[in-house]
Amino acid sequence: MQWLRKNKTSIPAYVALLAVASFWVAGGVGALDLLGDARSPMAMLTGLYLMLALVAVSIIITVLALTDLTRRASDSKRRRRMMQ
């Protein structure tokens, strides 16, 4: 509980990373089977474009979350050094 109180502002970044990780696990486990059931080439192409967009968004979210967490960690280290 103490960790949660100290890192309240970091929780959204952790939740975003968890959501992206679950997206990738779901995609690896079987979400790609949906494309195999496509009835037409146009439906398959649309599914591929949708997946491409989701992959791009997940990469952007991951980079932003990791950048935020890295910035917060460096800020806290800087504050500790200044207090010493």
C-alpha atoms as a PDB file:
ATOM      1  CA  MET A   1       0.000   0.000   0.000  1.00  0.00           C
ATOM      2  CA  GLN A   2       2.867   2.338   0.705  1.00  0.00           C
ATOM      3  CA  TRP A   3       4.167   1.865  -2.837  1.00  0.00           C
ATOM      4  CA  LEU A   4       0.737   2.789  -4.223  1.00  0.00           C
ATOM      5  CA  ARG A   5       0.655   5.981  -2.172  1.00  0.00           C
ATOM      6  CA  LYS A   6       4.125   7.008  -3.313  1.00  0.00           C
ATOM      7  CA  ASN A   7       3.520   6.204  -6.977  1.00  0.00           C
ATOM      8  CA  LYS A   8      -0.083   7.339  -7.500  1.00  0.00           C
ATOM      9  CA  THR A   9       0.801   9.328 -10.580  1.00  0.00           C
ATOM     10  CA  SER A  10       2.641   6.399 -12.209  1.00  0.00           C
ATOM     11  CA  ILE A  11      -0.327   4.023 -12.111  1.00  0.00           C
ATOM     12  CA  PRO A  12      -1.791   5.115 -15.504  1.00  0.00           C
ATOM     13  CA  ALA A  13       1.510   4.301 -17.211  1.00  0.00           C
ATOM     14  CA  TYR A  14       1.597   0.868 -15.592  1.00  0.00           C
ATOM     15  CA  VAL A  15      -2.023   0.226 -16.600  1.00  0.00           C
ATOM     16  CA  ALA A  16      -1.230   1.252 -20.185  1.00  0.00           C
ATOM     17  CA  LEU A  17       1.722  -1.156 -20.293  1.00  0.00           C
ATOM     18  CA  LEU A  18      -0.434  -3.939 -18.882  1.00  0.00           C
ATOM     19  CA  ALA A  19      -3.133  -3.266 -21.509  1.00  0.00           C
ATOM     20  CA  VAL A  20      -0.583  -3.334 -24.336  1.00  0.00           C
ATOM     21  CA  ALA A  21       0.945  -6.558 -23.005  1.00  0.00           C
ATOM     22  CA  SER A  22      -2.484  -8.213 -22.829  1.00  0.00           C
ATOM     23  CA  PHE A  23      -3.234  -7.019 -26.378  1.00  0.00           C
ATOM     24  CA  TRP A  24      -0.050  -8.661 -27.652  1.00  0.00           C
ATOM     25  CA  VAL A  25      -0.712 -11.872 -25.721  1.00  0.00           C
ATOM     26  CA  ALA A  26      -4.262 -12.061 -27.093  1.00  0.00           C
ATOM     27  CA  GLY A  27      -2.943 -11.461 -30.602  1.00  0.00           C
ATOM     28  CA  GLY A  28      -0.313 -14.146 -30.206  1.00  0.00           C
ATOM     29  CA  VAL A  29      -2.704 -16.674 -28.741  1.00  0.00           C
ATOM     30  CA  GLY A  30      -5.428 -16.573 -31.324  1.00  0.00           C
ATOM     31  CA  ALA A  31      -6.812 -13.260 -32.448  1.00  0.00           C
ATOM     32  CA  LEU A  32      -5.143 -13.759 -35.830  1.00  0.00           C
ATOM     33  CA  ASP A  33      -7.447 -16.726 -36.473  1.00  0.00           C
ATOM     34  CA  LEU A  34     -10.180 -14.186 -37.131  1.00  0.00           C
ATOM     35  CA  LEU A  35      -8.489 -13.294 -40.409  1.00  0.00           C
ATOM     36  CA  GLY A  36      -8.527 -16.904 -41.534  1.00  0.00           C
ATOM     37  CA  ASP A  37     -12.308 -16.925 -41.282  1.00  0.00           C
ATOM     38  CA  ALA A  38     -12.692 -13.916 -43.579  1.00  0.00           C
ATOM     39  CA  ARG A  39     -15.240 -14.508 -46.322  1.00  0.00           C
ATOM     40  CA  SER A  40     -13.721 -12.187 -48.888  1.00  0.00           C
ATOM     41  CA  PRO A  41     -10.322 -10.727 -49.705  1.00  0.00           C
ATOM     42  CA  MET A  42     -11.677  -7.251 -48.925  1.00  0.00           C
ATOM     43  CA  ALA A  43     -12.690  -8.351 -45.421  1.00  0.00           C
ATOM     44  CA  MET A  44      -9.224  -9.836 -44.910  1.00  0.00           C
ATOM     45  CA  LEU A  45      -7.555  -6.651 -46.150  1.00  0.00           C
ATOM     46  CA  THR A  46      -9.717  -4.524 -43.865  1.00  0.00           C
ATOM     47  CA  GLY A  47      -8.802  -6.761 -40.922  1.00  0.00           C
ATOM     48  CA  LEU A  48      -5.120  -6.479 -41.747  1.00  0.00           C
ATOM     49  CA  TYR A  49      -5.303  -2.687 -41.909  1.00  0.00           C
ATOM     50  CA  LEU A  50      -7.160  -2.609 -38.603  1.00  0.00           C
ATOM     51  CA  MET A  51      -4.513  -4.806 -36.990  1.00  0.00           C
ATOM     52  CA  LEU A  52      -1.745  -2.646 -38.440  1.00  0.00           C
ATOM     53  CA  ALA A  53      -3.356   0.441 -36.914  1.00  0.00           C
ATOM     54  CA  LEU A  54      -3.746  -1.301 -33.543  1.00  0.00           C
ATOM     55  CA  VAL A  55      -0.113  -2.418 -33.574  1.00  0.00           C
ATOM     56  CA  ALA A  56       1.033   1.129 -34.372  1.00  0.00           C
ATOM     57  CA  VAL A  57      -1.114   2.578 -31.579  1.00  0.00           C
ATOM     58  CA  SER A  58       0.149  -0.023 -29.115  1.00  0.00           C
ATOM     59  CA  ILE A  59       3.757   0.840 -29.949  1.00  0.00           C
ATOM     60  CA  ILE A  60       3.062   4.550 -29.477  1.00  0.00           C
ATOM     61  CA  ILE A  61       1.350   3.896 -26.129  1.00  0.00           C
ATOM     62  CA  THR A  62       4.273   1.741 -24.981  1.00  0.00           C
ATOM     63  CA  VAL A  63       6.845   4.378 -25.893  1.00  0.00           C
ATOM     64  CA  LEU A  64       4.879   7.126 -24.143  1.00  0.00           C
ATOM     65  CA  ALA A  65       4.356   5.039 -20.991  1.00  0.00           C
ATOM     66  CA  LEU A  66       8.006   3.992 -20.797  1.00  0.00           C
ATOM     67  CA  THR A  67       9.133   7.576 -21.382  1.00  0.00           C
ATOM     68  CA  ASP A  68       6.872   8.760 -18.565  1.00  0.00           C
ATOM     69  CA  LEU A  69       8.125   6.092 -16.155  1.00  0.00           C
ATOM     70  CA  THR A  70      11.752   6.807 -17.045  1.00  0.00           C
ATOM     71  CA  ARG A  71      11.249  10.528 -16.521  1.00  0.00           C
ATOM     72  CA  ARG A  72       9.619   9.949 -13.149  1.00  0.00           C
ATOM     73  CA  ALA A  73      12.435   7.634 -12.045  1.00  0.00           C
ATOM     74  CA  SER A  74      15.128  10.116 -13.056  1.00  0.00           C
ATOM     75  CA  ASP A  75      13.258  12.963 -11.338  1.00  0.00           C
ATOM     76  CA  SER A  76      13.059  11.019  -8.093  1.00  0.00           C
ATOM     77  CA  LYS A  77      16.776  10.140  -8.261  1.00  0.00           C
ATOM     78  CA  ARG A  78      17.611  13.782  -8.901  1.00  0.00           C
ATOM     79  CA  ARG A  79      15.524  14.853  -5.892  1.00  0.00           C
ATOM     80  CA  ARG A  80      17.241  12.288  -3.661  1.00  0.00           C
ATOM     81  CA  ARG A  81      20.681  13.535  -4.731  1.00  0.00           C
ATOM     82  CA  MET A  82      19.742  17.162  -4.070  1.00  0.00           C
ATOM     83  CA  MET A  83      18.504  16.316  -0.569  1.00  0.00           C
ATOM     84  CA  GLN A  84      21.784  14.631   0.376  1.00  0.00           C
END
